[in-house]
Amino acid sequence: MGLDTGLTTRLMPANLLYAGGHDLTDPYVSPLFGDFTTGFPPTFLVSGTRDLFLSNTVTMHRALRSADIDADLHVFDAATHIGFIGTPESEERTRELRRFVDRHWGR
């Protein structure tokens, strides 16, 4: 704990706040519990080595790949849940996202 400056506490309080009273296993709250067998789109996932959700992001990536969904996972060193804003890392993330979008739906 204490490494993620965006989420400064344990995950569960943030999860409950985000869910707003909904079941945490509702796929609309957490896509980890979704059905990846019926047209789930290619997915771009981003996390950081200091993001409290890193493990969940990796789990999501593995679930998508197990379902043969095209999924890119990008993990940035020292990035927190909110990532880097206005830095070379954020520019790299944007370039990767553009490349992903172009590959699937672009030019």
PDB file of N, CA and C in Angstrom:
ATOM      1  N   MET A   1       0.831  -1.192   0.000  1.00  0.00           N
ATOM      2  CA  MET A   1       0.000   0.000   0.000  1.00  0.00           C
ATOM      3  C   MET A   1       0.874   1.253   0.000  1.00  0.00           C
ATOM      4  N   GLY A   2       0.292   2.351  -0.359  1.00  0.00           N
ATOM      5  CA  GLY A   2       0.998   3.599  -0.331  1.00  0.00           C
ATOM      6  C   GLY A   2       1.769   3.919  -1.599  1.00  0.00           C
ATOM      7  N   LEU A   3       1.806   3.005  -2.542  1.00  0.00           N
ATOM      8  CA  LEU A   3       2.525   3.265  -3.779  1.00  0.00           C
ATOM      9  C   LEU A   3       1.663   3.986  -4.803  1.00  0.00           C
ATOM     10  N   ASP A   4       0.352   3.736  -4.767  1.00  0.00           N
ATOM     11  CA  ASP A   4      -0.560   4.350  -5.737  1.00  0.00           C
ATOM     12  C   ASP A   4      -1.060   5.665  -5.170  1.00  0.00           C
ATOM     13  N   THR A   5      -0.628   6.760  -5.769  1.00  0.00           N
ATOM     14  CA  THR A   5      -1.040   8.077  -5.280  1.00  0.00           C
ATOM     15  C   THR A   5      -2.427   8.474  -5.768  1.00  0.00           C
ATOM     16  N   GLY A   6      -2.991   7.706  -6.709  1.00  0.00           N
ATOM     17  CA  GLY A   6      -4.344   7.968  -7.188  1.00  0.00           C
ATOM     18  C   GLY A   6      -5.377   7.272  -6.327  1.00  0.00           C
ATOM     19  N   LEU A   7      -5.086   6.048  -5.939  1.00  0.00           N
ATOM     20  CA  LEU A   7      -5.928   5.277  -5.023  1.00  0.00           C
ATOM     21  C   LEU A   7      -5.074   5.029  -3.788  1.00  0.00           C
ATOM     22  N   THR A   8      -5.339   5.774  -2.743  1.00  0.00           N
ATOM     23  CA  THR A   8      -4.434   5.760  -1.598  1.00  0.00           C
ATOM     24  C   THR A   8      -4.858   4.803  -0.491  1.00  0.00           C
ATOM     25  N   THR A   9      -5.847   3.988  -0.739  1.00  0.00           N
ATOM     26  CA  THR A   9      -6.315   3.055   0.275  1.00  0.00           C
ATOM     27  C   THR A   9      -6.496   1.683  -0.368  1.00  0.00           C
ATOM     28  N   ARG A  10      -7.126   0.791   0.350  1.00  0.00           N
ATOM     29  CA  ARG A  10      -7.398  -0.532  -0.208  1.00  0.00           C
ATOM     30  C   ARG A  10      -8.409  -0.423  -1.350  1.00  0.00           C
ATOM     31  N   LEU A  11      -8.507  -1.488  -2.143  1.00  0.00           N
ATOM     32  CA  LEU A  11      -9.391  -1.472  -3.311  1.00  0.00           C
ATOM     33  C   LEU A  11     -10.874  -1.522  -2.958  1.00  0.00           C
ATOM     34  N   MET A  12     -11.240  -2.273  -1.941  1.00  0.00           N
ATOM     35  CA  MET A  12     -12.666  -2.488  -1.687  1.00  0.00           C
ATOM     36  C   MET A  12     -13.448  -1.190  -1.470  1.00  0.00           C
ATOM     37  N   PRO A  13     -12.973  -0.225  -0.690  1.00  0.00           N
ATOM     38  CA  PRO A  13     -13.743   1.021  -0.578  1.00  0.00           C
ATOM     39  C   PRO A  13     -13.957   1.704  -1.936  1.00  0.00           C
ATOM     40  N   ALA A  14     -12.938   1.692  -2.794  1.00  0.00           N
ATOM     41  CA  ALA A  14     -13.084   2.287  -4.130  1.00  0.00           C
ATOM     42  C   ALA A  14     -14.065   1.473  -4.967  1.00  0.00           C
ATOM     43  N   ASN A  15     -13.994   0.148  -4.869  1.00  0.00           N
ATOM     44  CA  ASN A  15     -14.920  -0.711  -5.609  1.00  0.00           C
ATOM     45  C   ASN A  15     -16.363  -0.442  -5.198  1.00  0.00           C
ATOM     46  N   LEU A  16     -16.620  -0.368  -3.904  1.00  0.00           N
ATOM     47  CA  LEU A  16     -17.975  -0.144  -3.408  1.00  0.00           C
ATOM     48  C   LEU A  16     -18.498   1.229  -3.812  1.00  0.00           C
ATOM     49  N   LEU A  17     -17.642   2.223  -3.750  1.00  0.00           N
ATOM     50  CA  LEU A  17     -18.048   3.565  -4.172  1.00  0.00           C
ATOM     51  C   LEU A  17     -18.409   3.562  -5.650  1.00  0.00           C
ATOM     52  N   TYR A  18     -17.563   2.950  -6.467  1.00  0.00           N
ATOM     53  CA  TYR A  18     -17.807   2.879  -7.908  1.00  0.00           C
ATOM     54  C   TYR A  18     -19.099   2.125  -8.219  1.00  0.00           C
ATOM     55  N   ALA A  19     -19.344   1.028  -7.522  1.00  0.00           N
ATOM     56  CA  ALA A  19     -20.516   0.188  -7.784  1.00  0.00           C
ATOM     57  C   ALA A  19     -21.815   0.881  -7.400  1.00  0.00           C
ATOM     58  N   GLY A  20     -21.771   1.816  -6.483  1.00  0.00           N
ATOM     59  CA  GLY A  20     -22.966   2.568  -6.109  1.00  0.00           C
ATOM     60  C   GLY A  20     -24.126   1.687  -5.670  1.00  0.00           C
ATOM     61  N   GLY A  21     -23.834   0.631  -4.906  1.00  0.00           N
ATOM     62  CA  GLY A  21     -24.886  -0.242  -4.395  1.00  0.00           C
ATOM     63  C   GLY A  21     -25.194  -1.431  -5.285  1.00  0.00           C
ATOM     64  N   HIS A  22     -24.632  -1.484  -6.470  1.00  0.00           N
ATOM     65  CA  HIS A  22     -24.843  -2.624  -7.364  1.00  0.00           C
ATOM     66  C   HIS A  22     -23.937  -3.777  -6.958  1.00  0.00           C
ATOM     67  N   ASP A  23     -24.324  -4.969  -7.345  1.00  0.00           N
ATOM     68  CA  ASP A  23     -23.536  -6.170  -7.083  1.00  0.00           C
ATOM     69  C   ASP A  23     -22.172  -6.034  -7.755  1.00  0.00           C
ATOM     70  N   LEU A  24     -21.121  -6.308  -7.015  1.00  0.00           N
ATOM     71  CA  LEU A  24     -19.769  -6.181  -7.565  1.00  0.00           C
ATOM     72  C   LEU A  24     -19.481  -7.175  -8.681  1.00  0.00           C
ATOM     73  N   THR A  25     -20.277  -8.229  -8.783  1.00  0.00           N
ATOM     74  CA  THR A  25     -20.074  -9.202  -9.865  1.00  0.00           C
ATOM     75  C   THR A  25     -20.943  -8.911 -11.085  1.00  0.00           C
ATOM     76  N   ASP A  26     -21.637  -7.796 -11.078  1.00  0.00           N
ATOM     77  CA  ASP A  26     -22.410  -7.384 -12.247  1.00  0.00           C
ATOM     78  C   ASP A  26     -21.419  -7.003 -13.349  1.00  0.00           C
ATOM     79  N   PRO A  27     -21.531  -7.592 -14.537  1.00  0.00           N
ATOM     80  CA  PRO A  27     -20.580  -7.274 -15.608  1.00  0.00           C
ATOM     81  C   PRO A  27     -20.556  -5.804 -16.000  1.00  0.00           C
ATOM     82  N   TYR A  28     -21.634  -5.071 -15.712  1.00  0.00           N
ATOM     83  CA  TYR A  28     -21.625  -3.636 -15.997  1.00  0.00           C
ATOM     84  C   TYR A  28     -20.794  -2.872 -14.968  1.00  0.00           C
ATOM     85  N   VAL A  29     -20.559  -3.474 -13.821  1.00  0.00           N
ATOM     86  CA  VAL A  29     -19.684  -2.895 -12.808  1.00  0.00           C
ATOM     87  C   VAL A  29     -18.254  -3.372 -13.031  1.00  0.00           C
ATOM     88  N   SER A  30     -18.108  -4.668 -13.246  1.00  0.00           N
ATOM     89  CA  SER A  30     -16.785  -5.240 -13.501  1.00  0.00           C
ATOM     90  C   SER A  30     -16.846  -6.153 -14.713  1.00  0.00           C
ATOM     91  N   PRO A  31     -16.238  -5.756 -15.813  1.00  0.00           N
ATOM     92  CA  PRO A  31     -16.258  -6.602 -17.009  1.00  0.00           C
ATOM     93  C   PRO A  31     -15.570  -7.946 -16.799  1.00  0.00           C
ATOM     94  N   LEU A  32     -14.822  -8.108 -15.707  1.00  0.00           N
ATOM     95  CA  LEU A  32     -14.226  -9.412 -15.406  1.00  0.00           C
ATOM     96  C   LEU A  32     -15.284 -10.510 -15.352  1.00  0.00           C
ATOM     97  N   PHE A  33     -16.504 -10.133 -15.033  1.00  0.00           N
ATOM     98  CA  PHE A  33     -17.588 -11.104 -14.896  1.00  0.00           C
ATOM     99  C   PHE A  33     -18.478 -11.146 -16.131  1.00  0.00           C
ATOM    100  N   GLY A  34     -18.005 -10.582 -17.219  1.00  0.00           N
ATOM    101  CA  GLY A  34     -18.781 -10.536 -18.451  1.00  0.00           C
ATOM    102  C   GLY A  34     -18.671 -11.803 -19.276  1.00  0.00           C
ATOM    103  N   ASP A  35     -19.491 -11.845 -20.307  1.00  0.00           N
ATOM    104  CA  ASP A  35     -19.499 -12.952 -21.263  1.00  0.00           C
ATOM    105  C   ASP A  35     -18.641 -12.535 -22.451  1.00  0.00           C
ATOM    106  N   PHE A  36     -17.502 -13.190 -22.602  1.00  0.00           N
ATOM    107  CA  PHE A  36     -16.577 -12.838 -23.676  1.00  0.00           C
ATOM    108  C   PHE A  36     -16.793 -13.682 -24.919  1.00  0.00           C
ATOM    109  N   THR A  37     -17.824 -14.491 -24.927  1.00  0.00           N
ATOM    110  CA  THR A  37     -18.038 -15.417 -26.046  1.00  0.00           C
ATOM    111  C   THR A  37     -18.977 -14.869 -27.107  1.00  0.00           C
ATOM    112  N   THR A  38     -19.601 -13.742 -26.853  1.00  0.00           N
ATOM    113  CA  THR A  38     -20.601 -13.243 -27.800  1.00  0.00           C
ATOM    114  C   THR A  38     -20.285 -11.823 -28.259  1.00  0.00           C
ATOM    115  N   GLY A  39     -19.267 -11.703 -29.088  1.00  0.00           N
ATOM    116  CA  GLY A  39     -18.998 -10.429 -29.736  1.00  0.00           C
ATOM    117  C   GLY A  39     -18.296  -9.389 -28.909  1.00  0.00           C
ATOM    118  N   PHE A  40     -17.538  -9.783 -27.911  1.00  0.00           N
ATOM    119  CA  PHE A  40     -16.781  -8.797 -27.138  1.00  0.00           C
ATOM    120  C   PHE A  40     -15.733  -8.180 -28.057  1.00  0.00           C
ATOM    121  N   PRO A  41     -15.574  -6.871 -28.024  1.00  0.00           N
ATOM    122  CA  PRO A  41     -14.679  -6.203 -28.989  1.00  0.00           C
ATOM    123  C   PRO A  41     -13.205  -6.336 -28.611  1.00  0.00           C
ATOM    124  N   PRO A  42     -12.331  -6.059 -29.553  1.00  0.00           N
ATOM    125  CA  PRO A  42     -10.911  -5.946 -29.213  1.00  0.00           C
ATOM    126  C   PRO A  42     -10.763  -4.919 -28.090  1.00  0.00           C
ATOM    127  N   THR A  43      -9.820  -5.158 -27.207  1.00  0.00           N
ATOM    128  CA  THR A  43      -9.740  -4.356 -25.990  1.00  0.00           C
ATOM    129  C   THR A  43      -8.318  -3.874 -25.739  1.00  0.00           C
ATOM    130  N   PHE A  44      -8.203  -2.619 -25.344  1.00  0.00           N
ATOM    131  CA  PHE A  44      -6.937  -1.978 -25.019  1.00  0.00           C
ATOM    132  C   PHE A  44      -6.915  -1.759 -23.509  1.00  0.00           C
ATOM    133  N   LEU A  45      -5.975  -2.375 -22.817  1.00  0.00           N
ATOM    134  CA  LEU A  45      -5.878  -2.293 -21.363  1.00  0.00           C
ATOM    135  C   LEU A  45      -4.590  -1.576 -20.973  1.00  0.00           C
ATOM    136  N   VAL A  46      -4.694  -0.675 -20.001  1.00  0.00           N
ATOM    137  CA  VAL A  46      -3.539   0.086 -19.528  1.00  0.00           C
ATOM    138  C   VAL A  46      -3.517   0.041 -18.010  1.00  0.00           C
ATOM    139  N   SER A  47      -2.330  -0.152 -17.462  1.00  0.00           N
ATOM    140  CA  SER A  47      -2.143  -0.110 -16.016  1.00  0.00           C
ATOM    141  C   SER A  47      -0.721   0.349 -15.742  1.00  0.00           C
ATOM    142  N   GLY A  48      -0.374   0.391 -14.483  1.00  0.00           N
ATOM    143  CA  GLY A  48       0.980   0.764 -14.088  1.00  0.00           C
ATOM    144  C   GLY A  48       1.460  -0.134 -12.974  1.00  0.00           C
ATOM    145  N   THR A  49       2.755  -0.144 -12.778  1.00  0.00           N
ATOM    146  CA  THR A  49       3.320  -1.011 -11.747  1.00  0.00           C
ATOM    147  C   THR A  49       2.948  -0.559 -10.341  1.00  0.00           C
ATOM    148  N   ARG A  50       2.435   0.649 -10.198  1.00  0.00           N
ATOM    149  CA  ARG A  50       1.981   1.135  -8.887  1.00  0.00           C
ATOM    150  C   ARG A  50       0.462   1.284  -8.820  1.00  0.00           C
ATOM    151  N   ASP A  51      -0.238   0.779  -9.802  1.00  0.00           N
ATOM    152  CA  ASP A  51      -1.701   0.835  -9.864  1.00  0.00           C
ATOM    153  C   ASP A  51      -2.281  -0.280  -8.999  1.00  0.00           C
ATOM    154  N   LEU A  52      -3.145   0.072  -8.055  1.00  0.00           N
ATOM    155  CA  LEU A  52      -3.767  -0.955  -7.213  1.00  0.00           C
ATOM    156  C   LEU A  52      -4.609  -1.928  -8.035  1.00  0.00           C
ATOM    157  N   PHE A  53      -5.012  -1.539  -9.236  1.00  0.00           N
ATOM    158  CA  PHE A  53      -5.800  -2.409 -10.099  1.00  0.00           C
ATOM    159  C   PHE A  53      -4.952  -3.208 -11.095  1.00  0.00           C
ATOM    160  N   LEU A  54      -3.640  -3.187 -10.949  1.00  0.00           N
ATOM    161  CA  LEU A  54      -2.771  -3.902 -11.889  1.00  0.00           C
ATOM    162  C   LEU A  54      -3.138  -5.383 -11.975  1.00  0.00           C
ATOM    163  N   SER A  55      -3.281  -6.037 -10.861  1.00  0.00           N
ATOM    164  CA  SER A  55      -3.604  -7.464 -10.875  1.00  0.00           C
ATOM    165  C   SER A  55      -4.939  -7.716 -11.571  1.00  0.00           C
ATOM    166  N   ASN A  56      -5.931  -6.884 -11.310  1.00  0.00           N
ATOM    167  CA  ASN A  56      -7.233  -7.033 -11.964  1.00  0.00           C
ATOM    168  C   ASN A  56      -7.111  -6.819 -13.471  1.00  0.00           C
ATOM    169  N   THR A  57      -6.278  -5.876 -13.877  1.00  0.00           N
ATOM    170  CA  THR A  57      -6.088  -5.606 -15.300  1.00  0.00           C
ATOM    171  C   THR A  57      -5.427  -6.790 -15.989  1.00  0.00           C
ATOM    172  N   VAL A  58      -4.439  -7.375 -15.342  1.00  0.00           N
ATOM    173  CA  VAL A  58      -3.782  -8.566 -15.887  1.00  0.00           C
ATOM    174  C   VAL A  58      -4.769  -9.729 -15.952  1.00  0.00           C
ATOM    175  N   THR A  59      -5.587  -9.894 -14.922  1.00  0.00           N
ATOM    176  CA  THR A  59      -6.611 -10.954 -14.914  1.00  0.00           C
ATOM    177  C   THR A  59      -7.596 -10.763 -16.055  1.00  0.00           C
ATOM    178  N   MET A  60      -7.996  -9.523 -16.307  1.00  0.00           N
ATOM    179  CA  MET A  60      -8.901  -9.226 -17.412  1.00  0.00           C
ATOM    180  C   MET A  60      -8.246  -9.567 -18.741  1.00  0.00           C
ATOM    181  N   HIS A  61      -6.997  -9.196 -18.896  1.00  0.00           N
ATOM    182  CA  HIS A  61      -6.270  -9.503 -20.124  1.00  0.00           C
ATOM    183  C   HIS A  61      -6.222 -11.006 -20.360  1.00  0.00           C
ATOM    184  N   ARG A  62      -5.909 -11.773 -19.331  1.00  0.00           N
ATOM    185  CA  ARG A  62      -5.837 -13.233 -19.460  1.00  0.00           C
ATOM    186  C   ARG A  62      -7.213 -13.808 -19.820  1.00  0.00           C
ATOM    187  N   ALA A  63      -8.272 -13.284 -19.216  1.00  0.00           N
ATOM    188  CA  ALA A  63      -9.628 -13.774 -19.523  1.00  0.00           C
ATOM    189  C   ALA A  63      -9.983 -13.493 -20.979  1.00  0.00           C
ATOM    190  N   LEU A  64      -9.647 -12.311 -21.457  1.00  0.00           N
ATOM    191  CA  LEU A  64      -9.922 -11.967 -22.851  1.00  0.00           C
ATOM    192  C   LEU A  64      -9.133 -12.856 -23.796  1.00  0.00           C
ATOM    193  N   ARG A  65      -7.858 -13.030 -23.524  1.00  0.00           N
ATOM    194  CA  ARG A  65      -7.020 -13.870 -24.390  1.00  0.00           C
ATOM    195  C   ARG A  65      -7.484 -15.320 -24.358  1.00  0.00           C
ATOM    196  N   SER A  66      -7.950 -15.801 -23.207  1.00  0.00           N
ATOM    197  CA  SER A  66      -8.479 -17.168 -23.114  1.00  0.00           C
ATOM    198  C   SER A  66      -9.720 -17.355 -23.962  1.00  0.00           C
ATOM    199  N   ALA A  67     -10.454 -16.258 -24.165  1.00  0.00           N
ATOM    200  CA  ALA A  67     -11.658 -16.295 -25.000  1.00  0.00           C
ATOM    201  C   ALA A  67     -11.344 -15.922 -26.451  1.00  0.00           C
ATOM    202  N   ASP A  68     -10.065 -15.880 -26.809  1.00  0.00           N
ATOM    203  CA  ASP A  68      -9.614 -15.522 -28.159  1.00  0.00           C
ATOM    204  C   ASP A  68     -10.013 -14.114 -28.583  1.00  0.00           C
ATOM    205  N   ILE A  69     -10.108 -13.210 -27.613  1.00  0.00           N
ATOM    206  CA  ILE A  69     -10.370 -11.796 -27.901  1.00  0.00           C
ATOM    207  C   ILE A  69      -9.025 -11.114 -28.093  1.00  0.00           C
ATOM    208  N   ASP A  70      -8.899 -10.317 -29.134  1.00  0.00           N
ATOM    209  CA  ASP A  70      -7.684  -9.546 -29.336  1.00  0.00           C
ATOM    210  C   ASP A  70      -7.609  -8.481 -28.250  1.00  0.00           C
ATOM    211  N   ALA A  71      -6.591  -8.568 -27.414  1.00  0.00           N
ATOM    212  CA  ALA A  71      -6.449  -7.628 -26.301  1.00  0.00           C
ATOM    213  C   ALA A  71      -4.994  -7.245 -26.136  1.00  0.00           C
ATOM    214  N   ASP A  72      -4.754  -5.948 -26.050  1.00  0.00           N
ATOM    215  CA  ASP A  72      -3.419  -5.427 -25.794  1.00  0.00           C
ATOM    216  C   ASP A  72      -3.340  -4.979 -24.347  1.00  0.00           C
ATOM    217  N   LEU A  73      -2.255  -5.346 -23.683  1.00  0.00           N
ATOM    218  CA  LEU A  73      -2.010  -4.922 -22.307  1.00  0.00           C
ATOM    219  C   LEU A  73      -0.736  -4.087 -22.277  1.00  0.00           C
ATOM    220  N   HIS A  74      -0.852  -2.876 -21.745  1.00  0.00           N
ATOM    221  CA  HIS A  74       0.290  -1.985 -21.602  1.00  0.00           C
ATOM    222  C   HIS A  74       0.438  -1.633 -20.128  1.00  0.00           C
ATOM    223  N   VAL A  75       1.611  -1.939 -19.576  1.00  0.00           N
ATOM    224  CA  VAL A  75       1.907  -1.644 -18.175  1.00  0.00           C
ATOM    225  C   VAL A  75       3.085  -0.675 -18.151  1.00  0.00           C
ATOM    226  N   PHE A  76       2.862   0.474 -17.541  1.00  0.00           N
ATOM    227  CA  PHE A  76       3.888   1.504 -17.482  1.00  0.00           C
ATOM    228  C   PHE A  76       4.566   1.495 -16.117  1.00  0.00           C
ATOM    229  N   ASP A  77       5.893   1.492 -16.147  1.00  0.00           N
ATOM    230  CA  ASP A  77       6.680   1.476 -14.925  1.00  0.00           C
ATOM    231  C   ASP A  77       6.381   2.711 -14.085  1.00  0.00           C
ATOM    232  N   ALA A  78       6.100   2.480 -12.815  1.00  0.00           N
ATOM    233  CA  ALA A  78       5.860   3.516 -11.808  1.00  0.00           C
ATOM    234  C   ALA A  78       4.536   4.252 -11.974  1.00  0.00           C
ATOM    235  N   ALA A  79       3.712   3.895 -12.955  1.00  0.00           N
ATOM    236  CA  ALA A  79       2.432   4.578 -13.136  1.00  0.00           C
ATOM    237  C   ALA A  79       1.431   4.123 -12.066  1.00  0.00           C
ATOM    238  N   THR A  80       0.646   5.059 -11.598  1.00  0.00           N
ATOM    239  CA  THR A  80      -0.421   4.776 -10.639  1.00  0.00           C
ATOM    240  C   THR A  80      -1.726   4.553 -11.395  1.00  0.00           C
ATOM    241  N   HIS A  81      -2.829   4.440 -10.665  1.00  0.00           N
ATOM    242  CA  HIS A  81      -4.120   4.222 -11.313  1.00  0.00           C
ATOM    243  C   HIS A  81      -4.496   5.374 -12.238  1.00  0.00           C
ATOM    244  N   ILE A  82      -4.114   6.565 -11.878  1.00  0.00           N
ATOM    245  CA  ILE A  82      -4.434   7.705 -12.739  1.00  0.00           C
ATOM    246  C   ILE A  82      -3.386   7.916 -13.820  1.00  0.00           C
ATOM    247  N   GLY A  83      -2.319   7.123 -13.781  1.00  0.00           N
ATOM    248  CA  GLY A  83      -1.305   7.183 -14.825  1.00  0.00           C
ATOM    249  C   GLY A  83      -0.491   8.454 -14.768  1.00  0.00           C
ATOM    250  N   PHE A  84       0.099   8.773 -15.887  1.00  0.00           N
ATOM    251  CA  PHE A  84       0.893   9.985 -16.029  1.00  0.00           C
ATOM    252  C   PHE A  84       0.128  10.937 -16.939  1.00  0.00           C
ATOM    253  N   ILE A  85       0.047  12.179 -16.562  1.00  0.00           N
ATOM    254  CA  ILE A  85      -0.662  13.166 -17.358  1.00  0.00           C
ATOM    255  C   ILE A  85       0.351  14.198 -17.857  1.00  0.00           C
ATOM    256  N   GLY A  86       0.372  14.424 -19.176  1.00  0.00           N
ATOM    257  CA  GLY A  86       1.259  15.427 -19.743  1.00  0.00           C
ATOM    258  C   GLY A  86       2.730  15.045 -19.696  1.00  0.00           C
ATOM    259  N   THR A  87       3.017  13.760 -19.765  1.00  0.00           N
ATOM    260  CA  THR A  87       4.396  13.275 -19.699  1.00  0.00           C
ATOM    261  C   THR A  87       4.717  12.462 -20.954  1.00  0.00           C
ATOM    262  N   PRO A  88       5.982  12.144 -21.160  1.00  0.00           N
ATOM    263  CA  PRO A  88       6.314  11.265 -22.292  1.00  0.00           C
ATOM    264  C   PRO A  88       5.579   9.929 -22.226  1.00  0.00           C
ATOM    265  N   GLU A  89       5.341   9.421 -21.012  1.00  0.00           N
ATOM    266  CA  GLU A  89       4.591   8.163 -20.883  1.00  0.00           C
ATOM    267  C   GLU A  89       3.157   8.305 -21.368  1.00  0.00           C
ATOM    268  N   SER A  90       2.529   9.435 -21.091  1.00  0.00           N
ATOM    269  CA  SER A  90       1.154   9.624 -21.567  1.00  0.00           C
ATOM    270  C   SER A  90       1.130   9.757 -23.084  1.00  0.00           C
ATOM    271  N   GLU A  91       2.164  10.355 -23.644  1.00  0.00           N
ATOM    272  CA  GLU A  91       2.256  10.449 -25.103  1.00  0.00           C
ATOM    273  C   GLU A  91       2.456   9.061 -25.717  1.00  0.00           C
ATOM    274  N   GLU A  92       3.261   8.229 -25.059  1.00  0.00           N
ATOM    275  CA  GLU A  92       3.461   6.857 -25.546  1.00  0.00           C
ATOM    276  C   GLU A  92       2.156   6.070 -25.483  1.00  0.00           C
ATOM    277  N   ARG A  93       1.424   6.235 -24.380  1.00  0.00           N
ATOM    278  CA  ARG A  93       0.129   5.567 -24.243  1.00  0.00           C
ATOM    279  C   ARG A  93      -0.813   5.991 -25.365  1.00  0.00           C
ATOM    280  N   THR A  94      -0.846   7.270 -25.672  1.00  0.00           N
ATOM    281  CA  THR A  94      -1.707   7.777 -26.742  1.00  0.00           C
ATOM    282  C   THR A  94      -1.296   7.202 -28.092  1.00  0.00           C
ATOM    283  N   ARG A  95       0.012   7.137 -28.361  1.00  0.00           N
ATOM    284  CA  ARG A  95       0.482   6.535 -29.621  1.00  0.00           C
ATOM    285  C   ARG A  95       0.058   5.075 -29.721  1.00  0.00           C
ATOM    286  N   GLU A  96       0.196   4.330 -28.630  1.00  0.00           N
ATOM    287  CA  GLU A  96      -0.196   2.919 -28.633  1.00  0.00           C
ATOM    288  C   GLU A  96      -1.699   2.765 -28.843  1.00  0.00           C
ATOM    289  N   LEU A  97      -2.468   3.629 -28.218  1.00  0.00           N
ATOM    290  CA  LEU A  97      -3.921   3.577 -28.383  1.00  0.00           C
ATOM    291  C   LEU A  97      -4.314   3.886 -29.824  1.00  0.00           C
ATOM    292  N   ARG A  98      -3.693   4.895 -30.399  1.00  0.00           N
ATOM    293  CA  ARG A  98      -3.972   5.221 -31.810  1.00  0.00           C
ATOM    294  C   ARG A  98      -3.617   4.054 -32.726  1.00  0.00           C
ATOM    295  N   ARG A  99      -2.488   3.413 -32.460  1.00  0.00           N
ATOM    296  CA  ARG A  99      -2.064   2.259 -33.253  1.00  0.00           C
ATOM    297  C   ARG A  99      -3.090   1.129 -33.128  1.00  0.00           C
ATOM    298  N   PHE A 100      -3.579   0.913 -31.923  1.00  0.00           N
ATOM    299  CA  PHE A 100      -4.581  -0.127 -31.677  1.00  0.00           C
ATOM    300  C   PHE A 100      -5.880   0.192 -32.431  1.00  0.00           C
ATOM    301  N   VAL A 101      -6.354   1.419 -32.313  1.00  0.00           N
ATOM    302  CA  VAL A 101      -7.595   1.832 -32.987  1.00  0.00           C
ATOM    303  C   VAL A 101      -7.437   1.740 -34.496  1.00  0.00           C
ATOM    304  N   ASP A 102      -6.319   2.218 -35.014  1.00  0.00           N
ATOM    305  CA  ASP A 102      -6.078   2.135 -36.449  1.00  0.00           C
ATOM    306  C   ASP A 102      -6.049   0.680 -36.920  1.00  0.00           C
ATOM    307  N   ARG A 103      -5.434  -0.189 -36.147  1.00  0.00           N
ATOM    308  CA  ARG A 103      -5.335  -1.598 -36.519  1.00  0.00           C
ATOM    309  C   ARG A 103      -6.719  -2.256 -36.600  1.00  0.00           C
ATOM    310  N   HIS A 104      -7.621  -1.862 -35.714  1.00  0.00           N
ATOM    311  CA  HIS A 104      -8.933  -2.518 -35.658  1.00  0.00           C
ATOM    312  C   HIS A 104     -10.025  -1.793 -36.428  1.00  0.00           C
ATOM    313  N   TRP A 105      -9.989  -0.473 -36.443  1.00  0.00           N
ATOM    314  CA  TRP A 105     -11.107   0.270 -37.032  1.00  0.00           C
ATOM    315  C   TRP A 105     -10.661   1.414 -37.909  1.00  0.00           C
ATOM    316  N   GLY A 106      -9.370   1.518 -38.120  1.00  0.00           N
ATOM    317  CA  GLY A 106      -8.839   2.728 -38.736  1.00  0.00           C
ATOM    318  C   GLY A 106      -8.733   2.710 -40.221  1.00  0.00           C
ATOM    319  N   ARG A 107      -7.903   3.538 -40.640  1.00  0.00           N
ATOM    320  CA  ARG A 107      -7.631   3.939 -41.998  1.00  0.00           C
ATOM    321  C   ARG A 107      -7.616   2.837 -42.993  1.00  0.00           C
TER     322      ARG A 107
END
